[in-house]
PDB file of N, CA and C in Angstrom:
ATOM      1  N   MET A   1     158.452  45.945 156.434  1.00  0.00           N
ATOM      2  CA  MET A   1     159.043  46.864 156.221  1.00  0.00           C
ATOM      3  C   MET A   1     159.021  47.879 157.108  1.00  0.00           C
ATOM      4  N   ILE A   2     159.940  47.879 157.437  1.00  0.00           N
ATOM      5  CA  ILE A   2     160.339  49.019 158.697  1.00  0.00           C
ATOM      6  C   ILE A   2     159.974  50.476 157.872  1.00  0.00           C
ATOM      7  N   VAL A   3     160.031  51.373 157.951  1.00  0.00           N
ATOM      8  CA  VAL A   3     159.599  52.630 157.038  1.00  0.00           C
ATOM      9  C   VAL A   3     159.253  54.422 158.809  1.00  0.00           C
ATOM     10  N   VAL A   4     159.990  54.854 159.085  1.00  0.00           N
ATOM     11  CA  VAL A   4     160.541  55.619 159.182  1.00  0.00           C
ATOM     12  C   VAL A   4     160.836  57.140 158.742  1.00  0.00           C
ATOM     13  N   ASN A   5     160.788  58.223 159.510  1.00  0.00           N
ATOM     14  CA  ASN A   5     161.811  59.659 159.611  1.00  0.00           C
ATOM     15  C   ASN A   5     163.001  59.673 160.451  1.00  0.00           C
ATOM     16  N   THR A   6     163.769  59.404 160.671  1.00  0.00           N
ATOM     17  CA  THR A   6     165.300  59.174 161.120  1.00  0.00           C
ATOM     18  C   THR A   6     165.570  58.922 161.359  1.00  0.00           C
ATOM     19  N   ASP A   7     167.110  58.774 160.575  1.00  0.00           N
ATOM     20  CA  ASP A   7     168.598  57.733 159.747  1.00  0.00           C
ATOM     21  C   ASP A   7     168.989  57.513 160.233  1.00  0.00           C
ATOM     22  N   TYR A   8     168.604  56.494 161.243  1.00  0.00           N
ATOM     23  CA  TYR A   8     168.864  55.779 162.381  1.00  0.00           C
ATOM     24  C   TYR A   8     168.118  54.051 162.396  1.00  0.00           C
ATOM     25  N   ILE A   9     168.052  53.157 162.871  1.00  0.00           N
ATOM     26  CA  ILE A   9     166.687  52.448 163.541  1.00  0.00           C
ATOM     27  C   ILE A   9     167.337  52.210 164.991  1.00  0.00           C
ATOM     28  N   SER A  10     167.214  51.826 165.781  1.00  0.00           N
ATOM     29  CA  SER A  10     168.108  51.835 167.459  1.00  0.00           C
ATOM     30  C   SER A  10     167.837  50.140 167.333  1.00  0.00           C
ATOM     31  N   GLY A  11     169.527  49.845 167.261  1.00  0.00           N
ATOM     32  CA  GLY A  11     170.432  48.509 167.171  1.00  0.00           C
ATOM     33  C   GLY A  11     170.680  48.136 165.749  1.00  0.00           C
ATOM     34  N   LYS A  12     169.997  48.946 165.568  1.00  0.00           N
ATOM     35  CA  LYS A  12     170.652  47.486 163.864  1.00  0.00           C
ATOM     36  C   LYS A  12     171.651  49.277 162.564  1.00  0.00           C
ATOM     37  N   GLU A  13     172.518  48.311 162.701  1.00  0.00           N
ATOM     38  CA  GLU A  13     173.150  48.907 162.028  1.00  0.00           C
ATOM     39  C   GLU A  13     173.051  48.122 160.549  1.00  0.00           C
ATOM     40  N   LEU A  14     173.017  49.770 159.356  1.00  0.00           N
ATOM     41  CA  LEU A  14     172.085  49.933 158.775  1.00  0.00           C
ATOM     42  C   LEU A  14     173.029  50.063 157.121  1.00  0.00           C
ATOM     43  N   GLU A  15     173.477  49.325 155.348  1.00  0.00           N
ATOM     44  CA  GLU A  15     173.937  49.358 155.017  1.00  0.00           C
ATOM     45  C   GLU A  15     172.826  49.420 153.525  1.00  0.00           C
ATOM     46  N   MET A  16     173.068  50.784 153.304  1.00  0.00           N
ATOM     47  CA  MET A  16     172.497  52.097 152.143  1.00  0.00           C
ATOM     48  C   MET A  16     171.965  51.459 150.376  1.00  0.00           C
ATOM     49  N   LEU A  17     171.729  50.814 150.027  1.00  0.00           N
ATOM     50  CA  LEU A  17     170.540  50.726 149.293  1.00  0.00           C
ATOM     51  C   LEU A  17     170.145  51.858 148.380  1.00  0.00           C
ATOM     52  N   GLY A  18     169.986  52.977 148.167  1.00  0.00           N
ATOM     53  CA  GLY A  18     168.919  54.012 147.437  1.00  0.00           C
ATOM     54  C   GLY A  18     167.989  54.708 147.643  1.00  0.00           C
ATOM     55  N   LEU A  19     167.921  55.242 147.585  1.00  0.00           N
ATOM     56  CA  LEU A  19     166.333  56.779 147.511  1.00  0.00           C
ATOM     57  C   LEU A  19     165.741  55.827 147.140  1.00  0.00           C
ATOM     58  N   VAL A  20     164.513  55.131 147.109  1.00  0.00           N
ATOM     59  CA  VAL A  20     163.325  55.186 147.004  1.00  0.00           C
ATOM     60  C   VAL A  20     162.972  55.882 146.973  1.00  0.00           C
ATOM     61  N   LYS A  21     161.802  56.336 146.049  1.00  0.00           N
ATOM     62  CA  LYS A  21     160.717  57.988 145.791  1.00  0.00           C
ATOM     63  C   LYS A  21     159.266  56.689 145.293  1.00  0.00           C
ATOM     64  N   GLY A  22     157.654  57.127 145.544  1.00  0.00           N
ATOM     65  CA  GLY A  22     156.734  56.609 144.699  1.00  0.00           C
ATOM     66  C   GLY A  22     155.936  58.370 144.663  1.00  0.00           C
ATOM     67  N   SER A  23     155.300  58.655 144.318  1.00  0.00           N
ATOM     68  CA  SER A  23     154.745  58.907 143.730  1.00  0.00           C
ATOM     69  C   SER A  23     152.662  59.474 143.614  1.00  0.00           C
ATOM     70  N   THR A  24     151.592  60.236 143.457  1.00  0.00           N
ATOM     71  CA  THR A  24     151.040  59.540 143.285  1.00  0.00           C
ATOM     72  C   THR A  24     149.895  61.198 142.634  1.00  0.00           C
ATOM     73  N   ILE A  25     149.494  62.073 141.338  1.00  0.00           N
ATOM     74  CA  ILE A  25     148.774  62.438 141.621  1.00  0.00           C
ATOM     75  C   ILE A  25     147.427  62.968 141.777  1.00  0.00           C
ATOM     76  N   GLN A  26     147.198  63.568 142.701  1.00  0.00           N
ATOM     77  CA  GLN A  26     144.674  64.100 142.599  1.00  0.00           C
ATOM     78  C   GLN A  26     144.697  64.942 141.439  1.00  0.00           C
ATOM     79  N   THR A  27     143.028  65.074 141.499  1.00  0.00           N
ATOM     80  CA  THR A  27     142.479  66.301 140.775  1.00  0.00           C
ATOM     81  C   THR A  27     141.600  66.058 142.145  1.00  0.00           C
ATOM     82  N   LYS A  28     140.579  67.293 141.617  1.00  0.00           N
ATOM     83  CA  LYS A  28     139.513  67.573 142.327  1.00  0.00           C
ATOM     84  C   LYS A  28     138.616  66.600 141.616  1.00  0.00           C
ATOM     85  N   ASN A  29     137.225  66.665 141.738  1.00  0.00           N
ATOM     86  CA  ASN A  29     136.323  66.414 141.534  1.00  0.00           C
ATOM     87  C   ASN A  29     135.505  66.453 141.340  1.00  0.00           C
ATOM     88  N   ILE A  30     134.176  67.540 140.429  1.00  0.00           N
ATOM     89  CA  ILE A  30     133.893  68.280 140.226  1.00  0.00           C
ATOM     90  C   ILE A  30     132.648  68.951 141.376  1.00  0.00           C
ATOM     91  N   GLY A  31     132.028  67.643 141.382  1.00  0.00           N
ATOM     92  CA  GLY A  31     130.771  67.458 142.197  1.00  0.00           C
ATOM     93  C   GLY A  31     131.082  67.832 143.466  1.00  0.00           C
ATOM     94  N   ARG A  32     132.707  66.811 144.086  1.00  0.00           N
ATOM     95  CA  ARG A  32     133.100  67.575 145.264  1.00  0.00           C
ATOM     96  C   ARG A  32     133.832  69.318 145.470  1.00  0.00           C
ATOM     97  N   ASP A  33     134.313  69.553 144.420  1.00  0.00           N
ATOM     98  CA  ASP A  33     134.336  70.512 144.269  1.00  0.00           C
ATOM     99  C   ASP A  33     133.932  72.130 144.720  1.00  0.00           C
ATOM    100  N   ILE A  34     132.244  71.474 144.034  1.00  0.00           N
ATOM    101  CA  ILE A  34     131.493  72.018 144.532  1.00  0.00           C
ATOM    102  C   ILE A  34     130.884  72.419 145.402  1.00  0.00           C
ATOM    103  N   THR A  35     130.899  71.032 146.218  1.00  0.00           N
ATOM    104  CA  THR A  35     129.955  70.573 147.520  1.00  0.00           C
ATOM    105  C   THR A  35     131.265  71.279 148.840  1.00  0.00           C
ATOM    106  N   GLN A  36     132.824  71.206 148.285  1.00  0.00           N
ATOM    107  CA  GLN A  36     133.790  71.867 148.829  1.00  0.00           C
ATOM    108  C   GLN A  36     133.488  73.086 149.434  1.00  0.00           C
ATOM    109  N   GLY A  37     133.219  74.163 148.033  1.00  0.00           N
ATOM    110  CA  GLY A  37     133.089  75.448 147.508  1.00  0.00           C
ATOM    111  C   GLY A  37     132.119  76.486 148.887  1.00  0.00           C
ATOM    112  N   PHE A  38     130.848  75.326 149.057  1.00  0.00           N
ATOM    113  CA  PHE A  38     130.058  76.515 149.849  1.00  0.00           C
ATOM    114  C   PHE A  38     130.911  75.821 151.230  1.00  0.00           C
ATOM    115  N   LYS A  39     131.456  75.127 151.173  1.00  0.00           N
ATOM    116  CA  LYS A  39     131.741  74.507 153.040  1.00  0.00           C
ATOM    117  C   LYS A  39     132.822  75.920 153.108  1.00  0.00           C
ATOM    118  N   THR A  40     133.366  77.133 152.210  1.00  0.00           N
ATOM    119  CA  THR A  40     134.031  78.042 152.312  1.00  0.00           C
ATOM    120  C   THR A  40     133.567  78.966 152.187  1.00  0.00           C
ATOM    121  N   LEU A  41     132.267  78.863 152.839  1.00  0.00           N
ATOM    122  CA  LEU A  41     131.245  79.882 152.886  1.00  0.00           C
ATOM    123  C   LEU A  41     130.821  80.273 154.141  1.00  0.00           C
ATOM    124  N   VAL A  42     131.156  78.825 154.914  1.00  0.00           N
ATOM    125  CA  VAL A  42     131.137  78.785 156.718  1.00  0.00           C
ATOM    126  C   VAL A  42     132.293  78.924 157.015  1.00  0.00           C
ATOM    127  N   GLY A  43     132.597  78.667 156.905  1.00  0.00           N
ATOM    128  CA  GLY A  43     134.483  77.828 157.400  1.00  0.00           C
ATOM    129  C   GLY A  43     133.984  76.638 157.220  1.00  0.00           C
ATOM    130  N   GLY A  44     135.986  76.040 158.356  1.00  0.00           N
ATOM    131  CA  GLY A  44     136.079  74.875 158.323  1.00  0.00           C
ATOM    132  C   GLY A  44     136.682  73.865 157.645  1.00  0.00           C
ATOM    133  N   GLU A  45     136.894  72.947 158.725  1.00  0.00           N
ATOM    134  CA  GLU A  45     137.719  71.601 157.672  1.00  0.00           C
ATOM    135  C   GLU A  45     136.161  71.023 156.093  1.00  0.00           C
ATOM    136  N   LEU A  46     137.818  71.430 154.932  1.00  0.00           N
ATOM    137  CA  LEU A  46     136.813  70.542 153.941  1.00  0.00           C
ATOM    138  C   LEU A  46     137.669  68.701 153.897  1.00  0.00           C
ATOM    139  N   GLY A  47     136.558  68.179 154.307  1.00  0.00           N
ATOM    140  CA  GLY A  47     136.204  67.445 154.827  1.00  0.00           C
ATOM    141  C   GLY A  47     137.394  65.907 153.656  1.00  0.00           C
ATOM    142  N   ALA A  48     136.424  66.432 153.176  1.00  0.00           N
ATOM    143  CA  ALA A  48     135.899  65.675 151.673  1.00  0.00           C
ATOM    144  C   ALA A  48     137.939  65.272 151.222  1.00  0.00           C
ATOM    145  N   TYR A  49     138.490  67.271 151.242  1.00  0.00           N
ATOM    146  CA  TYR A  49     139.243  67.234 150.375  1.00  0.00           C
ATOM    147  C   TYR A  49     140.992  66.562 151.576  1.00  0.00           C
ATOM    148  N   THR A  50     140.554  66.460 152.864  1.00  0.00           N
ATOM    149  CA  THR A  50     141.595  65.984 153.444  1.00  0.00           C
ATOM    150  C   THR A  50     141.363  64.836 153.205  1.00  0.00           C
ATOM    151  N   GLN A  51     140.490  63.713 153.476  1.00  0.00           N
ATOM    152  CA  GLN A  51     140.650  62.461 153.268  1.00  0.00           C
ATOM    153  C   GLN A  51     141.242  62.452 151.559  1.00  0.00           C
ATOM    154  N   MET A  52     141.071  63.506 151.078  1.00  0.00           N
ATOM    155  CA  MET A  52     142.357  62.852 149.319  1.00  0.00           C
ATOM    156  C   MET A  52     143.360  62.902 149.046  1.00  0.00           C
ATOM    157  N   MET A  53     143.863  63.933 149.388  1.00  0.00           N
ATOM    158  CA  MET A  53     145.205  63.756 150.420  1.00  0.00           C
ATOM    159  C   MET A  53     145.624  62.492 151.333  1.00  0.00           C
ATOM    160  N   ASN A  54     145.240  61.914 152.368  1.00  0.00           N
ATOM    161  CA  ASN A  54     145.226  61.634 153.444  1.00  0.00           C
ATOM    162  C   ASN A  54     145.615  59.635 152.145  1.00  0.00           C
ATOM    163  N   ASP A  55     144.445  60.125 150.730  1.00  0.00           N
ATOM    164  CA  ASP A  55     145.021  59.432 150.394  1.00  0.00           C
ATOM    165  C   ASP A  55     145.912  58.707 149.249  1.00  0.00           C
ATOM    166  N   ALA A  56     146.092  60.616 148.945  1.00  0.00           N
ATOM    167  CA  ALA A  56     147.048  60.378 147.933  1.00  0.00           C
ATOM    168  C   ALA A  56     148.708  60.122 148.613  1.00  0.00           C
ATOM    169  N   ARG A  57     148.827  60.330 149.713  1.00  0.00           N
ATOM    170  CA  ARG A  57     150.033  60.397 151.041  1.00  0.00           C
ATOM    171  C   ARG A  57     149.917  58.107 151.056  1.00  0.00           C
ATOM    172  N   GLU A  58     148.699  57.774 151.581  1.00  0.00           N
ATOM    173  CA  GLU A  58     149.625  56.691 151.005  1.00  0.00           C
ATOM    174  C   GLU A  58     149.299  56.012 150.560  1.00  0.00           C
ATOM    175  N   LEU A  59     148.640  56.523 149.484  1.00  0.00           N
ATOM    176  CA  LEU A  59     149.685  55.522 147.704  1.00  0.00           C
ATOM    177  C   LEU A  59     150.598  55.979 147.533  1.00  0.00           C
ATOM    178  N   ALA A  60     151.762  56.633 148.142  1.00  0.00           N
ATOM    179  CA  ALA A  60     152.652  56.775 147.367  1.00  0.00           C
ATOM    180  C   ALA A  60     153.964  57.049 148.488  1.00  0.00           C
ATOM    181  N   ALA A  61     153.116  56.749 149.668  1.00  0.00           N
ATOM    182  CA  ALA A  61     154.092  55.844 151.033  1.00  0.00           C
ATOM    183  C   ALA A  61     153.868  53.754 150.715  1.00  0.00           C
ATOM    184  N   GLN A  62     153.048  53.020 149.499  1.00  0.00           N
ATOM    185  CA  GLN A  62     152.942  52.422 149.798  1.00  0.00           C
ATOM    186  C   GLN A  62     153.872  52.118 147.682  1.00  0.00           C
ATOM    187  N   ARG A  63     154.562  53.358 146.795  1.00  0.00           N
ATOM    188  CA  ARG A  63     154.919  53.180 146.300  1.00  0.00           C
ATOM    189  C   ARG A  63     156.287  52.996 146.284  1.00  0.00           C
ATOM    190  N   MET A  64     156.467  53.755 147.565  1.00  0.00           N
ATOM    191  CA  MET A  64     157.582  53.808 147.447  1.00  0.00           C
ATOM    192  C   MET A  64     158.115  52.006 148.806  1.00  0.00           C
ATOM    193  N   GLU A  65     157.281  52.067 149.716  1.00  0.00           N
ATOM    194  CA  GLU A  65     157.711  50.818 149.905  1.00  0.00           C
ATOM    195  C   GLU A  65     158.550  49.751 149.278  1.00  0.00           C
ATOM    196  N   GLU A  66     157.104  49.849 147.787  1.00  0.00           N
ATOM    197  CA  GLU A  66     156.848  48.722 146.861  1.00  0.00           C
ATOM    198  C   GLU A  66     158.778  48.205 145.691  1.00  0.00           C
ATOM    199  N   GLY A  67     158.591  49.985 145.718  1.00  0.00           N
ATOM    200  CA  GLY A  67     160.072  50.098 145.128  1.00  0.00           C
ATOM    201  C   GLY A  67     161.509  50.013 146.046  1.00  0.00           C
ATOM    202  N   ALA A  68     161.530  50.135 147.507  1.00  0.00           N
ATOM    203  CA  ALA A  68     162.543  49.537 148.487  1.00  0.00           C
ATOM    204  C   ALA A  68     162.414  47.385 148.403  1.00  0.00           C
ATOM    205  N   ILE A  69     161.324  46.764 148.560  1.00  0.00           N
ATOM    206  CA  ILE A  69     161.122  46.054 148.085  1.00  0.00           C
ATOM    207  C   ILE A  69     161.846  44.995 146.974  1.00  0.00           C
ATOM    208  N   ARG A  70     162.368  46.309 145.932  1.00  0.00           N
ATOM    209  CA  ARG A  70     162.640  45.858 144.678  1.00  0.00           C
ATOM    210  C   ARG A  70     163.783  45.569 144.560  1.00  0.00           C
ATOM    211  N   LEU A  71     164.904  46.380 145.651  1.00  0.00           N
ATOM    212  CA  LEU A  71     165.486  46.846 146.033  1.00  0.00           C
ATOM    213  C   LEU A  71     166.150  45.232 146.749  1.00  0.00           C
ATOM    214  N   GLY A  72     165.792  44.977 147.807  1.00  0.00           N
ATOM    215  CA  GLY A  72     165.914  43.840 148.898  1.00  0.00           C
ATOM    216  C   GLY A  72     166.282  44.820 150.281  1.00  0.00           C
ATOM    217  N   ALA A  73     165.509  45.921 150.046  1.00  0.00           N
ATOM    218  CA  ALA A  73     165.566  45.972 151.613  1.00  0.00           C
ATOM    219  C   ALA A  73     164.807  45.832 152.542  1.00  0.00           C
ATOM    220  N   ASP A  74     165.019  46.244 153.787  1.00  0.00           N
ATOM    221  CA  ASP A  74     164.564  45.297 155.599  1.00  0.00           C
ATOM    222  C   ASP A  74     163.481  46.487 155.674  1.00  0.00           C
ATOM    223  N   ALA A  75     164.318  47.783 155.169  1.00  0.00           N
ATOM    224  CA  ALA A  75     163.668  49.881 156.118  1.00  0.00           C
ATOM    225  C   ALA A  75     163.843  50.297 155.319  1.00  0.00           C
ATOM    226  N   VAL A  76     163.285  51.604 154.906  1.00  0.00           N
ATOM    227  CA  VAL A  76     162.629  53.417 154.139  1.00  0.00           C
ATOM    228  C   VAL A  76     163.258  54.398 155.482  1.00  0.00           C
ATOM    229  N   VAL A  77     164.407  54.724 155.793  1.00  0.00           N
ATOM    230  CA  VAL A  77     164.698  55.303 156.601  1.00  0.00           C
ATOM    231  C   VAL A  77     164.484  56.993 156.474  1.00  0.00           C
ATOM    232  N   ASN A  78     164.427  58.201 156.802  1.00  0.00           N
ATOM    233  CA  ASN A  78     164.851  59.254 156.407  1.00  0.00           C
ATOM    234  C   ASN A  78     163.264  59.724 155.671  1.00  0.00           C
ATOM    235  N   VAL A  79     162.621  59.392 156.286  1.00  0.00           N
ATOM    236  CA  VAL A  79     161.132  59.074 154.525  1.00  0.00           C
ATOM    237  C   VAL A  79     160.748  60.893 155.617  1.00  0.00           C
ATOM    238  N   ARG A  80     160.049  61.123 153.519  1.00  0.00           N
ATOM    239  CA  ARG A  80     160.188  63.216 154.389  1.00  0.00           C
ATOM    240  C   ARG A  80     158.642  62.248 152.454  1.00  0.00           C
ATOM    241  N   PHE A  81     157.535  63.358 153.047  1.00  0.00           N
ATOM    242  CA  PHE A  81     156.450  64.615 152.219  1.00  0.00           C
ATOM    243  C   PHE A  81     156.510  65.481 151.290  1.00  0.00           C
ATOM    244  N   ALA A  82     156.124  65.148 150.243  1.00  0.00           N
ATOM    245  CA  ALA A  82     156.157  66.727 149.814  1.00  0.00           C
ATOM    246  C   ALA A  82     155.051  66.729 148.660  1.00  0.00           C
ATOM    247  N   THR A  83     154.802  67.934 148.949  1.00  0.00           N
ATOM    248  CA  THR A  83     153.450  68.505 147.933  1.00  0.00           C
ATOM    249  C   THR A  83     154.157  68.903 146.268  1.00  0.00           C
ATOM    250  N   SER A  84     153.072  69.139 145.031  1.00  0.00           N
ATOM    251  CA  SER A  84     153.674  70.746 144.884  1.00  0.00           C
ATOM    252  C   SER A  84     151.807  70.319 143.890  1.00  0.00           C
ATOM    253  N   ALA A  85     151.801  71.281 143.331  1.00  0.00           N
ATOM    254  CA  ALA A  85     150.737  71.656 142.570  1.00  0.00           C
ATOM    255  C   ALA A  85     151.361  71.937 140.957  1.00  0.00           C
ATOM    256  N   ILE A  86     150.646  70.767 140.490  1.00  0.00           N
ATOM    257  CA  ILE A  86     150.725  70.292 138.915  1.00  0.00           C
ATOM    258  C   ILE A  86     150.727  71.007 138.077  1.00  0.00           C
ATOM    259  N   MET A  87     149.387  71.188 137.673  1.00  0.00           N
ATOM    260  CA  MET A  87     148.258  72.745 137.810  1.00  0.00           C
ATOM    261  C   MET A  87     147.259  72.923 137.946  1.00  0.00           C
ATOM    262  N   GLN A  88     146.629  73.455 137.376  1.00  0.00           N
ATOM    263  CA  GLN A  88     144.391  74.436 138.235  1.00  0.00           C
ATOM    264  C   GLN A  88     144.010  73.221 137.978  1.00  0.00           C
ATOM    265  N   GLY A  89     143.736  73.179 140.025  1.00  0.00           N
ATOM    266  CA  GLY A  89     143.257  71.518 140.726  1.00  0.00           C
ATOM    267  C   GLY A  89     143.697  70.295 140.757  1.00  0.00           C
ATOM    268  N   ALA A  90     145.324  70.419 140.233  1.00  0.00           N
ATOM    269  CA  ALA A  90     145.435  68.916 140.763  1.00  0.00           C
ATOM    270  C   ALA A  90     147.350  69.389 141.332  1.00  0.00           C
ATOM    271  N   ALA A  91     147.802  68.248 141.934  1.00  0.00           N
ATOM    272  CA  ALA A  91     147.987  67.728 142.698  1.00  0.00           C
ATOM    273  C   ALA A  91     149.515  66.526 143.231  1.00  0.00           C
ATOM    274  N   GLU A  92     150.647  66.073 143.297  1.00  0.00           N
ATOM    275  CA  GLU A  92     152.083  65.857 143.251  1.00  0.00           C
ATOM    276  C   GLU A  92     151.695  65.498 144.368  1.00  0.00           C
ATOM    277  N   VAL A  93     151.610  64.741 144.621  1.00  0.00           N
ATOM    278  CA  VAL A  93     151.933  64.438 146.220  1.00  0.00           C
ATOM    279  C   VAL A  93     153.554  63.589 146.728  1.00  0.00           C
ATOM    280  N   MET A  94     154.717  63.283 146.693  1.00  0.00           N
ATOM    281  CA  MET A  94     155.691  62.080 146.411  1.00  0.00           C
ATOM    282  C   MET A  94     155.852  61.907 148.499  1.00  0.00           C
ATOM    283  N   ALA A  95     156.888  60.455 148.212  1.00  0.00           N
ATOM    284  CA  ALA A  95     157.385  59.766 149.712  1.00  0.00           C
ATOM    285  C   ALA A  95     158.347  59.723 149.162  1.00  0.00           C
ATOM    286  N   TYR A  96     159.501  59.830 149.539  1.00  0.00           N
ATOM    287  CA  TYR A  96     160.798  59.178 149.225  1.00  0.00           C
ATOM    288  C   TYR A  96     161.660  59.902 150.777  1.00  0.00           C
ATOM    289  N   GLY A  97     162.749  58.704 150.708  1.00  0.00           N
ATOM    290  CA  GLY A  97     162.743  57.950 151.262  1.00  0.00           C
ATOM    291  C   GLY A  97     164.428  57.225 151.426  1.00  0.00           C
ATOM    292  N   THR A  98     165.710  56.493 151.682  1.00  0.00           N
ATOM    293  CA  THR A  98     166.051  56.127 151.806  1.00  0.00           C
ATOM    294  C   THR A  98     165.999  54.057 152.939  1.00  0.00           C
ATOM    295  N   ALA A  99     166.526  53.271 150.898  1.00  0.00           N
ATOM    296  CA  ALA A  99     166.100  51.914 151.053  1.00  0.00           C
ATOM    297  C   ALA A  99     167.509  51.708 151.268  1.00  0.00           C
ATOM    298  N   VAL A 100     167.242  50.936 152.896  1.00  0.00           N
ATOM    299  CA  VAL A 100     169.066  49.591 153.370  1.00  0.00           C
ATOM    300  C   VAL A 100     168.165  48.436 153.676  1.00  0.00           C
ATOM    301  N   LYS A 101     169.884  47.755 154.232  1.00  0.00           N
ATOM    302  CA  LYS A 101     169.485  46.454 153.774  1.00  0.00           C
ATOM    303  C   LYS A 101     171.066  45.779 156.180  1.00  0.00           C
ATOM    304  N   PHE A 102     169.328  45.611 157.287  1.00  0.00           N
ATOM    305  CA  PHE A 102     169.810  45.402 158.005  1.00  0.00           C
ATOM    306  C   PHE A 102     171.479  44.517 157.761  1.00  0.00           C
ATOM    307  N   LYS A 103     172.894  44.843 158.540  1.00  0.00           N
ATOM    308  CA  LYS A 103     174.146  43.974 158.320  1.00  0.00           C
ATOM    309  C   LYS A 103     173.591  42.751 159.085  1.00  0.00           C
TER     310      LYS A 103
END
């Protein structure tokens, strides 16, 4: 599956199939939250949270691709990611784009 953030794929004529999306909601682990809270005292990257968000983006993208496969797509174009706070300590990560078939 080709996944790009442009609205075209060089050398391909595209037939749009529709919007596809995938999402996940991640929450903080209390143990992770405590250790990362100590990190704010000295500064620097919050590695555990960076990894959590990377994993969330990967899962959201995988779910988006699964939706494209169900539509019979060859690719997903114009891919974007969005995040939003759902509640205190929980965030949604969404991947979305347009499923296309090669003509």
